Amino acid sequence: MSFDAECKMQFLFALRSKGVTDSRVLGAMEKVDRGLFVTGLFEDRAYEDMPLPISCGQTISQPSVVGLMTQALQVAPRDKVLEVGTGSGYQAAVLSQLARRVYTVDRHKRLVAEARSVFDALDLTNITAFNADGSHGLPDQAPFDRILVTAAAEDPPGPLLAQLKMGGIMVVPVGQSDAVQSLIRVHRTENGFDYDELRPVRFVPLVEGLGRDG
């Protein structure tokens, strides 16, 4: 299946029906072909609203969750964004359509290499991908206007909160890995951090250290 006009129309309709209504987010997701980030046995299901397995025991999130998380992040055109958990690279590619600069980090070297090859093929020059322990963020590049975490932590990680710019927003799944988690939006203010609970989600756990291939 190709990401042709009819497929895009159905894809966008499914996103809207799940609550993705921001026109900039919908436009970004229309530009980025999810099929380029799904290979192997599941290629023919790339445009369905479901998570799919990728390398290293990870998953590519379902499109509606990508859209809702991106919408919650409220990315502005001049923002510098950190994504923790590169995975397939799909979320970073969507963010690249909305932000000035995207830094993405993953503990699995193989995933970073595979994502970089797709970014290069799409000429997404405003994404920089790192193989590193994402639970520590990227101190050398901080602070960030926006931080998106695509793995579940028991609490919003302190090192990532510290790398959030004043007035910045972080979106992170929070909860035990074996239970339903909550998607949390964190605003950094002059008085500390404000937390909003958005919706239940389920993500792989945020793991410290590098993967065996890292």
N, C-alpha and C. Protein backbone atom coordinates (compact mmCIF):
# COMPACT_ATOMS: atom_id res chain seq x y z
N MET A 1 0.84 -1.19 0.00
CA MET A 1 0.00 0.00 0.00
C MET A 1 0.88 1.24 0.00
N SER A 2 0.50 2.25 -0.77
CA SER A 2 1.27 3.49 -0.82
C SER A 2 0.49 4.61 -0.13
N PHE A 3 1.22 5.63 0.29
CA PHE A 3 0.62 6.76 1.00
C PHE A 3 0.09 7.75 -0.04
N ASP A 4 -0.88 7.29 -0.83
CA ASP A 4 -1.45 8.12 -1.89
C ASP A 4 -2.56 8.99 -1.32
N ALA A 5 -3.21 9.74 -2.20
CA ALA A 5 -4.21 10.72 -1.76
C ALA A 5 -5.34 10.06 -0.98
N GLU A 6 -5.84 8.93 -1.47
CA GLU A 6 -6.95 8.26 -0.79
C GLU A 6 -6.51 7.72 0.57
N CYS A 7 -5.32 7.15 0.61
CA CYS A 7 -4.79 6.63 1.86
C CYS A 7 -4.61 7.76 2.88
N LYS A 8 -4.07 8.90 2.42
CA LYS A 8 -3.88 10.05 3.31
C LYS A 8 -5.21 10.52 3.86
N MET A 9 -6.25 10.56 3.02
CA MET A 9 -7.55 11.03 3.45
C MET A 9 -8.10 10.13 4.56
N GLN A 10 -7.98 8.81 4.38
CA GLN A 10 -8.45 7.86 5.38
C GLN A 10 -7.61 7.97 6.66
N PHE A 11 -6.31 8.14 6.49
CA PHE A 11 -5.38 8.25 7.60
C PHE A 11 -5.73 9.48 8.46
N LEU A 12 -5.95 10.62 7.79
CA LEU A 12 -6.27 11.85 8.51
C LEU A 12 -7.64 11.79 9.15
N PHE A 13 -8.59 11.13 8.49
CA PHE A 13 -9.92 10.97 9.07
C PHE A 13 -9.84 10.17 10.37
N ALA A 14 -9.03 9.10 10.36
CA ALA A 14 -8.86 8.28 11.56
C ALA A 14 -8.23 9.10 12.69
N LEU A 15 -7.27 9.95 12.36
CA LEU A 15 -6.64 10.80 13.37
C LEU A 15 -7.65 11.76 13.98
N ARG A 16 -8.42 12.41 13.12
CA ARG A 16 -9.42 13.37 13.62
C ARG A 16 -10.45 12.66 14.52
N SER A 17 -10.84 11.46 14.14
CA SER A 17 -11.85 10.74 14.91
C SER A 17 -11.35 10.37 16.30
N LYS A 18 -10.02 10.35 16.48
CA LYS A 18 -9.43 10.03 17.79
C LYS A 18 -9.06 11.29 18.58
N GLY A 19 -9.36 12.47 18.01
CA GLY A 19 -9.14 13.70 18.77
C GLY A 19 -7.96 14.54 18.33
N VAL A 20 -7.29 14.14 17.25
CA VAL A 20 -6.19 14.96 16.72
C VAL A 20 -6.82 16.02 15.80
N THR A 21 -6.90 17.24 16.28
CA THR A 21 -7.61 18.30 15.56
C THR A 21 -6.73 19.48 15.19
N ASP A 22 -5.53 19.55 15.74
CA ASP A 22 -4.63 20.67 15.44
C ASP A 22 -4.20 20.61 13.98
N SER A 23 -4.45 21.68 13.24
CA SER A 23 -4.19 21.66 11.80
C SER A 23 -2.71 21.52 11.47
N ARG A 24 -1.83 22.09 12.29
CA ARG A 24 -0.38 21.97 12.04
C ARG A 24 0.07 20.53 12.26
N VAL A 25 -0.46 19.88 13.29
CA VAL A 25 -0.09 18.49 13.56
C VAL A 25 -0.61 17.58 12.45
N LEU A 26 -1.85 17.79 12.03
CA LEU A 26 -2.40 16.99 10.93
C LEU A 26 -1.60 17.20 9.65
N GLY A 27 -1.19 18.44 9.39
CA GLY A 27 -0.39 18.73 8.20
C GLY A 27 0.96 18.03 8.25
N ALA A 28 1.58 18.01 9.44
CA ALA A 28 2.87 17.34 9.59
C ALA A 28 2.73 15.84 9.36
N MET A 29 1.65 15.25 9.88
CA MET A 29 1.46 13.81 9.75
C MET A 29 1.05 13.43 8.34
N GLU A 30 0.48 14.35 7.61
CA GLU A 30 0.18 14.11 6.20
C GLU A 30 1.45 14.09 5.37
N LYS A 31 2.45 14.88 5.78
CA LYS A 31 3.70 14.97 5.03
C LYS A 31 4.63 13.78 5.27
N VAL A 32 4.51 13.15 6.44
CA VAL A 32 5.46 12.09 6.81
C VAL A 32 4.80 10.72 6.58
N ASP A 33 5.36 9.97 5.67
CA ASP A 33 4.83 8.65 5.29
C ASP A 33 5.23 7.61 6.34
N ARG A 34 4.27 7.17 7.16
CA ARG A 34 4.58 6.18 8.20
C ARG A 34 5.09 4.88 7.61
N GLY A 35 4.70 4.59 6.37
CA GLY A 35 5.14 3.37 5.72
C GLY A 35 6.64 3.25 5.57
N LEU A 36 7.35 4.39 5.55
CA LEU A 36 8.81 4.38 5.43
C LEU A 36 9.49 3.93 6.72
N PHE A 37 8.72 3.94 7.82
CA PHE A 37 9.29 3.60 9.12
C PHE A 37 8.87 2.21 9.60
N VAL A 38 8.09 1.51 8.77
CA VAL A 38 7.63 0.16 9.11
C VAL A 38 8.14 -0.79 8.03
N THR A 39 8.92 -1.78 8.42
CA THR A 39 9.49 -2.71 7.44
C THR A 39 9.14 -4.15 7.82
N GLY A 40 9.36 -5.03 6.89
CA GLY A 40 9.18 -6.46 7.17
C GLY A 40 7.73 -6.90 7.14
N LEU A 41 7.37 -7.78 8.07
CA LEU A 41 6.07 -8.44 8.07
C LEU A 41 4.89 -7.49 8.19
N PHE A 42 5.11 -6.33 8.77
CA PHE A 42 3.99 -5.45 9.08
C PHE A 42 3.86 -4.27 8.12
N GLU A 43 4.58 -4.29 7.02
CA GLU A 43 4.55 -3.18 6.07
C GLU A 43 3.13 -2.86 5.61
N ASP A 44 2.33 -3.90 5.39
CA ASP A 44 0.99 -3.68 4.85
C ASP A 44 0.01 -3.13 5.88
N ARG A 45 0.47 -2.98 7.13
CA ARG A 45 -0.39 -2.44 8.18
C ARG A 45 0.08 -1.06 8.65
N ALA A 46 0.99 -0.47 7.87
CA ALA A 46 1.63 0.78 8.29
C ALA A 46 0.65 1.92 8.49
N TYR A 47 -0.48 1.91 7.78
CA TYR A 47 -1.40 3.05 7.85
C TYR A 47 -2.60 2.77 8.73
N GLU A 48 -2.58 1.65 9.44
CA GLU A 48 -3.63 1.36 10.41
C GLU A 48 -3.30 2.03 11.74
N ASP A 49 -4.34 2.36 12.49
CA ASP A 49 -4.12 3.05 13.77
C ASP A 49 -3.84 2.03 14.86
N MET A 50 -2.62 1.50 14.80
CA MET A 50 -2.21 0.49 15.77
C MET A 50 -0.70 0.53 15.94
N PRO A 51 -0.20 0.19 17.15
CA PRO A 51 1.24 0.08 17.33
C PRO A 51 1.74 -1.18 16.63
N LEU A 52 2.99 -1.13 16.17
CA LEU A 52 3.57 -2.27 15.46
C LEU A 52 4.97 -2.56 15.99
N PRO A 53 5.40 -3.83 15.97
CA PRO A 53 6.74 -4.16 16.42
C PRO A 53 7.81 -3.63 15.48
N ILE A 54 8.93 -3.19 16.06
CA ILE A 54 10.11 -2.82 15.28
C ILE A 54 11.31 -3.54 15.88
N SER A 55 12.50 -3.21 15.44
CA SER A 55 13.71 -3.87 15.93
C SER A 55 13.91 -3.67 17.43
N CYS A 56 14.75 -4.50 18.01
CA CYS A 56 15.21 -4.37 19.40
C CYS A 56 14.08 -4.49 20.42
N GLY A 57 13.00 -5.20 20.05
CA GLY A 57 11.91 -5.42 20.98
C GLY A 57 11.08 -4.18 21.28
N GLN A 58 11.18 -3.17 20.43
CA GLN A 58 10.46 -1.92 20.63
C GLN A 58 9.24 -1.86 19.71
N THR A 59 8.49 -0.75 19.79
CA THR A 59 7.32 -0.59 18.93
C THR A 59 7.30 0.79 18.32
N ILE A 60 6.59 0.91 17.19
CA ILE A 60 6.24 2.22 16.64
C ILE A 60 4.83 2.50 17.13
N SER A 61 4.64 3.64 17.77
CA SER A 61 3.34 3.96 18.38
C SER A 61 2.26 4.09 17.32
N GLN A 62 1.00 3.89 17.75
CA GLN A 62 -0.09 4.05 16.80
C GLN A 62 -0.21 5.52 16.43
N PRO A 63 -0.57 5.81 15.19
CA PRO A 63 -0.59 7.19 14.70
C PRO A 63 -1.41 8.14 15.56
N SER A 64 -2.56 7.70 16.07
CA SER A 64 -3.38 8.62 16.87
C SER A 64 -2.66 9.03 18.15
N VAL A 65 -1.88 8.13 18.74
CA VAL A 65 -1.12 8.48 19.95
C VAL A 65 0.01 9.44 19.60
N VAL A 66 0.68 9.20 18.48
CA VAL A 66 1.70 10.15 18.01
C VAL A 66 1.08 11.53 17.83
N GLY A 67 -0.10 11.56 17.19
CA GLY A 67 -0.77 12.83 16.96
C GLY A 67 -1.19 13.53 18.24
N LEU A 68 -1.75 12.78 19.18
CA LEU A 68 -2.21 13.37 20.44
C LEU A 68 -1.04 13.86 21.29
N MET A 69 0.07 13.11 21.31
CA MET A 69 1.24 13.54 22.06
C MET A 69 1.85 14.79 21.44
N THR A 70 1.91 14.81 20.12
CA THR A 70 2.46 15.98 19.42
C THR A 70 1.57 17.19 19.65
N GLN A 71 0.27 16.98 19.59
CA GLN A 71 -0.68 18.07 19.83
C GLN A 71 -0.53 18.62 21.24
N ALA A 72 -0.36 17.74 22.22
CA ALA A 72 -0.21 18.16 23.61
C ALA A 72 1.08 18.94 23.84
N LEU A 73 2.07 18.68 23.03
CA LEU A 73 3.37 19.33 23.19
C LEU A 73 3.35 20.80 22.76
N GLN A 74 2.40 21.16 21.90
CA GLN A 74 2.22 22.57 21.48
C GLN A 74 3.53 23.15 20.92
N VAL A 75 4.09 22.48 19.93
CA VAL A 75 5.38 22.88 19.35
C VAL A 75 5.22 24.15 18.51
N ALA A 76 6.09 25.10 18.74
CA ALA A 76 6.13 26.34 17.95
C ALA A 76 7.26 26.26 16.93
N PRO A 77 7.18 27.04 15.84
CA PRO A 77 8.16 26.93 14.75
C PRO A 77 9.61 27.19 15.16
N ARG A 78 9.84 27.96 16.21
CA ARG A 78 11.22 28.26 16.61
C ARG A 78 11.72 27.36 17.73
N ASP A 79 10.93 26.37 18.13
CA ASP A 79 11.28 25.54 19.28
C ASP A 79 12.41 24.56 18.99
N LYS A 80 13.18 24.31 20.04
CA LYS A 80 14.18 23.24 20.05
C LYS A 80 13.59 22.10 20.89
N VAL A 81 13.47 20.92 20.29
CA VAL A 81 12.75 19.81 20.91
C VAL A 81 13.70 18.64 21.18
N LEU A 82 13.54 18.03 22.35
CA LEU A 82 14.23 16.77 22.66
C LEU A 82 13.20 15.65 22.68
N GLU A 83 13.49 14.59 21.94
CA GLU A 83 12.69 13.37 22.01
C GLU A 83 13.53 12.28 22.66
N VAL A 84 12.99 11.66 23.69
CA VAL A 84 13.66 10.54 24.36
C VAL A 84 12.98 9.26 23.91
N GLY A 85 13.70 8.45 23.15
CA GLY A 85 13.16 7.22 22.59
C GLY A 85 12.91 7.35 21.10
N THR A 86 13.99 7.31 20.33
CA THR A 86 13.88 7.49 18.88
C THR A 86 13.00 6.42 18.24
N GLY A 87 13.22 5.17 18.67
CA GLY A 87 12.46 4.08 18.08
C GLY A 87 12.64 4.02 16.58
N SER A 88 11.54 4.00 15.86
CA SER A 88 11.59 3.94 14.40
C SER A 88 12.03 5.26 13.77
N GLY A 89 11.88 6.35 14.53
CA GLY A 89 12.17 7.68 13.98
C GLY A 89 10.94 8.43 13.50
N TYR A 90 9.78 7.76 13.52
CA TYR A 90 8.56 8.37 12.98
C TYR A 90 8.15 9.62 13.77
N GLN A 91 8.15 9.51 15.10
CA GLN A 91 7.76 10.67 15.91
C GLN A 91 8.69 11.85 15.68
N ALA A 92 9.99 11.60 15.60
CA ALA A 92 10.95 12.68 15.37
C ALA A 92 10.71 13.33 14.01
N ALA A 93 10.38 12.52 13.01
CA ALA A 93 10.11 13.05 11.67
C ALA A 93 8.90 13.97 11.68
N VAL A 94 7.86 13.59 12.43
CA VAL A 94 6.68 14.45 12.56
C VAL A 94 7.06 15.75 13.27
N LEU A 95 7.81 15.65 14.35
CA LEU A 95 8.24 16.85 15.08
C LEU A 95 9.08 17.77 14.20
N SER A 96 9.86 17.18 13.30
CA SER A 96 10.75 17.98 12.44
C SER A 96 9.98 18.92 11.52
N GLN A 97 8.71 18.59 11.27
CA GLN A 97 7.87 19.44 10.42
C GLN A 97 7.34 20.65 11.19
N LEU A 98 7.47 20.61 12.51
CA LEU A 98 6.85 21.63 13.36
C LEU A 98 7.85 22.51 14.09
N ALA A 99 9.06 21.99 14.34
CA ALA A 99 10.04 22.66 15.18
C ALA A 99 11.24 23.15 14.37
N ARG A 100 12.01 24.02 14.98
CA ARG A 100 13.25 24.48 14.34
C ARG A 100 14.30 23.38 14.36
N ARG A 101 14.37 22.66 15.49
CA ARG A 101 15.43 21.66 15.65
C ARG A 101 14.92 20.53 16.52
N VAL A 102 15.22 19.30 16.14
CA VAL A 102 14.83 18.14 16.92
C VAL A 102 16.07 17.32 17.26
N TYR A 103 16.26 17.08 18.54
CA TYR A 103 17.30 16.16 19.01
C TYR A 103 16.58 14.91 19.51
N THR A 104 17.01 13.76 19.03
CA THR A 104 16.36 12.52 19.45
C THR A 104 17.42 11.53 19.92
N VAL A 105 17.12 10.79 20.97
CA VAL A 105 18.11 9.91 21.59
C VAL A 105 17.48 8.55 21.86
N ASP A 106 18.25 7.50 21.64
CA ASP A 106 17.79 6.14 21.93
C ASP A 106 18.95 5.32 22.45
N ARG A 107 18.64 4.37 23.33
CA ARG A 107 19.67 3.51 23.93
C ARG A 107 20.11 2.40 22.98
N HIS A 108 19.38 2.19 21.89
CA HIS A 108 19.71 1.13 20.94
C HIS A 108 20.41 1.72 19.71
N LYS A 109 21.67 1.33 19.52
CA LYS A 109 22.46 1.83 18.39
C LYS A 109 21.81 1.48 17.05
N ARG A 110 21.26 0.26 16.97
CA ARG A 110 20.65 -0.18 15.71
C ARG A 110 19.47 0.72 15.33
N LEU A 111 18.62 1.05 16.30
CA LEU A 111 17.47 1.90 16.01
C LEU A 111 17.90 3.29 15.55
N VAL A 112 18.91 3.84 16.19
CA VAL A 112 19.41 5.16 15.80
C VAL A 112 19.94 5.12 14.37
N ALA A 113 20.71 4.08 14.04
CA ALA A 113 21.26 3.95 12.68
C ALA A 113 20.14 3.82 11.64
N GLU A 114 19.13 3.00 11.95
CA GLU A 114 18.03 2.81 11.00
C GLU A 114 17.22 4.10 10.83
N ALA A 115 16.99 4.80 11.93
CA ALA A 115 16.24 6.06 11.85
C ALA A 115 17.02 7.10 11.06
N ARG A 116 18.33 7.19 11.31
CA ARG A 116 19.15 8.16 10.57
C ARG A 116 19.07 7.94 9.07
N SER A 117 19.04 6.67 8.66
CA SER A 117 19.00 6.38 7.22
C SER A 117 17.70 6.88 6.60
N VAL A 118 16.59 6.79 7.36
CA VAL A 118 15.32 7.31 6.84
C VAL A 118 15.33 8.83 6.84
N PHE A 119 15.86 9.43 7.92
CA PHE A 119 15.96 10.90 7.96
C PHE A 119 16.77 11.41 6.76
N ASP A 120 17.87 10.74 6.46
CA ASP A 120 18.71 11.15 5.33
C ASP A 120 17.95 11.01 4.01
N ALA A 121 17.22 9.90 3.85
CA ALA A 121 16.46 9.67 2.62
C ALA A 121 15.39 10.73 2.42
N LEU A 122 14.82 11.23 3.54
CA LEU A 122 13.78 12.25 3.47
C LEU A 122 14.34 13.67 3.52
N ASP A 123 15.66 13.77 3.64
CA ASP A 123 16.35 15.07 3.71
C ASP A 123 15.84 15.90 4.90
N LEU A 124 15.68 15.23 6.03
CA LEU A 124 15.26 15.92 7.26
C LEU A 124 16.50 16.39 7.99
N THR A 125 17.01 17.53 7.58
CA THR A 125 18.30 18.01 8.07
C THR A 125 18.23 18.68 9.44
N ASN A 126 17.03 18.87 9.97
CA ASN A 126 16.91 19.51 11.29
C ASN A 126 16.74 18.51 12.42
N ILE A 127 17.04 17.22 12.14
CA ILE A 127 17.02 16.19 13.19
C ILE A 127 18.45 15.72 13.45
N THR A 128 18.83 15.65 14.72
CA THR A 128 20.10 15.04 15.12
C THR A 128 19.79 13.88 16.05
N ALA A 129 20.26 12.69 15.69
CA ALA A 129 19.97 11.47 16.47
C ALA A 129 21.22 10.99 17.19
N PHE A 130 21.04 10.63 18.46
CA PHE A 130 22.15 10.18 19.30
C PHE A 130 21.85 8.79 19.86
N ASN A 131 22.90 7.97 19.97
CA ASN A 131 22.83 6.72 20.72
C ASN A 131 23.35 7.02 22.12
N ALA A 132 22.45 7.09 23.09
CA ALA A 132 22.83 7.46 24.45
C ALA A 132 21.71 7.04 25.40
N ASP A 133 21.98 7.20 26.68
CA ASP A 133 21.00 6.90 27.72
C ASP A 133 20.03 8.07 27.83
N GLY A 134 18.85 7.90 27.25
CA GLY A 134 17.90 9.00 27.20
C GLY A 134 17.36 9.43 28.54
N SER A 135 17.44 8.58 29.56
CA SER A 135 16.92 8.97 30.87
C SER A 135 17.68 10.15 31.45
N HIS A 136 18.88 10.40 30.92
CA HIS A 136 19.69 11.54 31.37
C HIS A 136 19.53 12.74 30.42
N GLY A 137 18.73 12.58 29.36
CA GLY A 137 18.56 13.67 28.41
C GLY A 137 19.81 13.95 27.62
N LEU A 138 19.97 15.20 27.23
CA LEU A 138 21.17 15.64 26.51
C LEU A 138 21.63 16.96 27.13
N PRO A 139 22.35 16.89 28.25
CA PRO A 139 22.74 18.11 28.96
C PRO A 139 23.51 19.10 28.10
N ASP A 140 24.32 18.59 27.16
CA ASP A 140 25.14 19.49 26.33
C ASP A 140 24.30 20.34 25.40
N GLN A 141 23.08 19.91 25.10
CA GLN A 141 22.21 20.64 24.19
C GLN A 141 21.10 21.42 24.92
N ALA A 142 20.99 21.22 26.21
CA ALA A 142 19.92 21.85 27.00
C ALA A 142 20.18 23.36 27.14
N PRO A 143 19.13 24.14 27.43
CA PRO A 143 17.76 23.72 27.72
C PRO A 143 16.92 23.55 26.45
N PHE A 144 15.79 22.87 26.60
CA PHE A 144 14.88 22.61 25.49
C PHE A 144 13.54 23.31 25.72
N ASP A 145 12.96 23.78 24.61
CA ASP A 145 11.62 24.36 24.70
C ASP A 145 10.56 23.29 24.94
N ARG A 146 10.78 22.12 24.36
CA ARG A 146 9.83 21.03 24.47
C ARG A 146 10.60 19.72 24.62
N ILE A 147 10.06 18.81 25.44
CA ILE A 147 10.63 17.47 25.61
C ILE A 147 9.50 16.47 25.49
N LEU A 148 9.71 15.46 24.65
CA LEU A 148 8.72 14.39 24.46
C LEU A 148 9.38 13.06 24.82
N VAL A 149 8.78 12.31 25.72
CA VAL A 149 9.33 11.03 26.15
C VAL A 149 8.39 9.94 25.64
N THR A 150 8.95 8.99 24.88
CA THR A 150 8.12 7.95 24.27
C THR A 150 8.32 6.60 24.94
N ALA A 151 8.66 6.63 26.24
CA ALA A 151 8.75 5.43 27.06
C ALA A 151 8.28 5.83 28.46
N ALA A 152 7.71 4.89 29.18
CA ALA A 152 7.06 5.21 30.45
C ALA A 152 8.04 5.20 31.63
N ALA A 153 7.98 6.27 32.41
CA ALA A 153 8.77 6.38 33.63
C ALA A 153 7.82 6.29 34.83
N GLU A 154 8.36 5.89 35.99
CA GLU A 154 7.52 5.83 37.19
C GLU A 154 7.14 7.24 37.64
N ASP A 155 8.03 8.19 37.39
CA ASP A 155 7.79 9.60 37.66
C ASP A 155 8.47 10.39 36.54
N PRO A 156 8.05 11.63 36.28
CA PRO A 156 8.78 12.45 35.30
C PRO A 156 10.26 12.54 35.70
N PRO A 157 11.18 12.11 34.84
CA PRO A 157 12.60 12.04 35.24
C PRO A 157 13.19 13.41 35.59
N GLY A 158 13.83 13.46 36.76
CA GLY A 158 14.44 14.70 37.23
C GLY A 158 15.42 15.34 36.26
N PRO A 159 16.34 14.55 35.66
CA PRO A 159 17.28 15.15 34.72
C PRO A 159 16.59 15.81 33.52
N LEU A 160 15.46 15.24 33.08
CA LEU A 160 14.74 15.83 31.95
C LEU A 160 14.01 17.10 32.38
N LEU A 161 13.41 17.08 33.56
CA LEU A 161 12.76 18.29 34.07
C LEU A 161 13.77 19.44 34.17
N ALA A 162 14.99 19.11 34.60
CA ALA A 162 16.03 20.14 34.75
C ALA A 162 16.46 20.73 33.41
N GLN A 163 16.27 19.97 32.32
CA GLN A 163 16.68 20.44 30.99
C GLN A 163 15.56 21.16 30.24
N LEU A 164 14.42 21.34 30.91
CA LEU A 164 13.28 22.02 30.29
C LEU A 164 13.40 23.52 30.54
N LYS A 165 13.30 24.29 29.48
CA LYS A 165 13.41 25.74 29.56
C LYS A 165 12.24 26.31 30.37
N MET A 166 12.45 27.44 31.02
CA MET A 166 11.37 28.12 31.72
C MET A 166 10.24 28.41 30.72
N GLY A 167 9.03 28.03 31.07
CA GLY A 167 7.91 28.18 30.15
C GLY A 167 7.75 26.99 29.21
N GLY A 168 8.65 26.02 29.31
CA GLY A 168 8.64 24.87 28.42
C GLY A 168 7.62 23.82 28.82
N ILE A 169 7.43 22.86 27.91
CA ILE A 169 6.45 21.79 28.11
C ILE A 169 7.13 20.44 27.88
N MET A 170 6.83 19.48 28.76
CA MET A 170 7.25 18.10 28.56
C MET A 170 6.01 17.21 28.57
N VAL A 171 5.96 16.26 27.65
CA VAL A 171 4.90 15.25 27.62
C VAL A 171 5.55 13.91 27.85
N VAL A 172 5.04 13.16 28.84
CA VAL A 172 5.69 11.91 29.24
C VAL A 172 4.65 10.92 29.75
N PRO A 173 4.73 9.64 29.35
CA PRO A 173 3.88 8.60 29.96
C PRO A 173 4.44 8.26 31.34
N VAL A 174 3.57 8.19 32.33
CA VAL A 174 4.00 7.92 33.70
C VAL A 174 3.18 6.75 34.26
N GLY A 175 3.89 5.80 34.88
CA GLY A 175 3.21 4.67 35.50
C GLY A 175 4.04 3.41 35.43
N GLN A 176 3.61 2.38 36.14
CA GLN A 176 4.30 1.09 36.13
C GLN A 176 4.18 0.46 34.75
N SER A 177 5.21 -0.24 34.32
CA SER A 177 5.22 -0.81 32.97
C SER A 177 4.18 -1.91 32.78
N ASP A 178 3.74 -2.55 33.87
CA ASP A 178 2.80 -3.65 33.74
C ASP A 178 1.35 -3.21 33.99
N ALA A 179 1.12 -1.92 34.04
CA ALA A 179 -0.23 -1.40 34.25
C ALA A 179 -0.50 -0.29 33.24
N VAL A 180 -1.74 0.15 33.20
CA VAL A 180 -2.07 1.28 32.32
C VAL A 180 -1.38 2.53 32.86
N GLN A 181 -0.77 3.25 31.95
CA GLN A 181 -0.06 4.46 32.33
C GLN A 181 -0.89 5.69 31.98
N SER A 182 -0.49 6.83 32.51
CA SER A 182 -1.14 8.09 32.19
C SER A 182 -0.18 8.98 31.42
N LEU A 183 -0.70 9.63 30.39
CA LEU A 183 0.08 10.61 29.66
C LEU A 183 -0.01 11.94 30.42
N ILE A 184 1.14 12.46 30.81
CA ILE A 184 1.22 13.66 31.63
C ILE A 184 1.86 14.80 30.83
N ARG A 185 1.27 15.99 30.95
CA ARG A 185 1.91 17.19 30.38
C ARG A 185 2.42 18.05 31.54
N VAL A 186 3.70 18.39 31.46
CA VAL A 186 4.36 19.17 32.50
C VAL A 186 4.70 20.55 31.94
N HIS A 187 4.26 21.61 32.62
CA HIS A 187 4.66 22.97 32.29
C HIS A 187 5.67 23.44 33.33
N ARG A 188 6.78 23.99 32.88
CA ARG A 188 7.74 24.59 33.82
C ARG A 188 7.39 26.07 33.99
N THR A 189 7.16 26.48 35.22
CA THR A 189 6.80 27.86 35.51
C THR A 189 7.81 28.46 36.49
N GLU A 190 7.66 29.74 36.76
CA GLU A 190 8.54 30.41 37.73
C GLU A 190 8.41 29.79 39.12
N ASN A 191 7.27 29.17 39.38
CA ASN A 191 7.01 28.60 40.70
C ASN A 191 7.28 27.11 40.79
N GLY A 192 7.74 26.50 39.69
CA GLY A 192 8.01 25.07 39.70
C GLY A 192 7.41 24.38 38.49
N PHE A 193 6.72 23.26 38.73
CA PHE A 193 6.16 22.47 37.63
C PHE A 193 4.67 22.23 37.86
N ASP A 194 3.90 22.45 36.81
CA ASP A 194 2.47 22.14 36.83
C ASP A 194 2.23 20.88 36.01
N TYR A 195 1.37 19.99 36.51
CA TYR A 195 1.14 18.70 35.88
C TYR A 195 -0.32 18.56 35.45
N ASP A 196 -0.54 18.13 34.20
CA ASP A 196 -1.88 17.83 33.71
C ASP A 196 -1.92 16.38 33.26
N GLU A 197 -2.92 15.64 33.71
CA GLU A 197 -3.10 14.26 33.27
C GLU A 197 -4.00 14.27 32.04
N LEU A 198 -3.52 13.70 30.92
CA LEU A 198 -4.22 13.82 29.65
C LEU A 198 -5.08 12.62 29.30
N ARG A 199 -4.51 11.42 29.38
CA ARG A 199 -5.24 10.23 28.94
C ARG A 199 -4.46 8.98 29.31
N PRO A 200 -5.14 7.82 29.39
CA PRO A 200 -4.40 6.57 29.62
C PRO A 200 -3.67 6.13 28.36
N VAL A 201 -2.49 5.58 28.53
CA VAL A 201 -1.67 5.09 27.40
C VAL A 201 -0.94 3.84 27.86
N ARG A 202 -0.23 3.21 26.93
CA ARG A 202 0.63 2.09 27.29
C ARG A 202 1.90 2.15 26.43
N PHE A 203 3.04 2.31 27.10
CA PHE A 203 4.33 2.40 26.42
C PHE A 203 5.31 1.41 27.03
N VAL A 204 6.35 1.11 26.28
CA VAL A 204 7.45 0.33 26.85
C VAL A 204 8.10 1.15 27.96
N PRO A 205 8.73 0.51 28.94
CA PRO A 205 9.33 1.26 30.05
C PRO A 205 10.58 2.03 29.64
N LEU A 206 10.80 3.16 30.31
CA LEU A 206 12.03 3.91 30.14
C LEU A 206 13.13 3.20 30.93
N VAL A 207 14.17 2.75 30.22
CA VAL A 207 15.22 1.94 30.84
C VAL A 207 16.52 2.73 30.84
N GLU A 208 17.20 2.72 31.98
CA GLU A 208 18.50 3.41 32.05
C GLU A 208 19.58 2.56 31.39
N GLY A 209 20.65 3.25 30.95
CA GLY A 209 21.79 2.57 30.34
C GLY A 209 21.58 2.36 28.86
N LEU A 210 22.62 1.83 28.19
CA LEU A 210 22.55 1.56 26.77
C LEU A 210 22.04 0.15 26.50
N GLY A 211 21.46 -0.07 25.34
CA GLY A 211 21.05 -1.40 24.95
C GLY A 211 22.28 -2.27 24.68
N ARG A 212 22.07 -3.55 24.55
CA ARG A 212 23.19 -4.46 24.32
C ARG A 212 23.93 -4.13 23.03
N ASP A 213 23.22 -3.50 22.08
CA ASP A 213 23.87 -3.13 20.83
C ASP A 213 24.47 -1.73 20.92
N GLY A 214 24.31 -1.05 22.06
CA GLY A 214 24.82 0.30 22.21
C GLY A 214 26.14 0.35 22.93
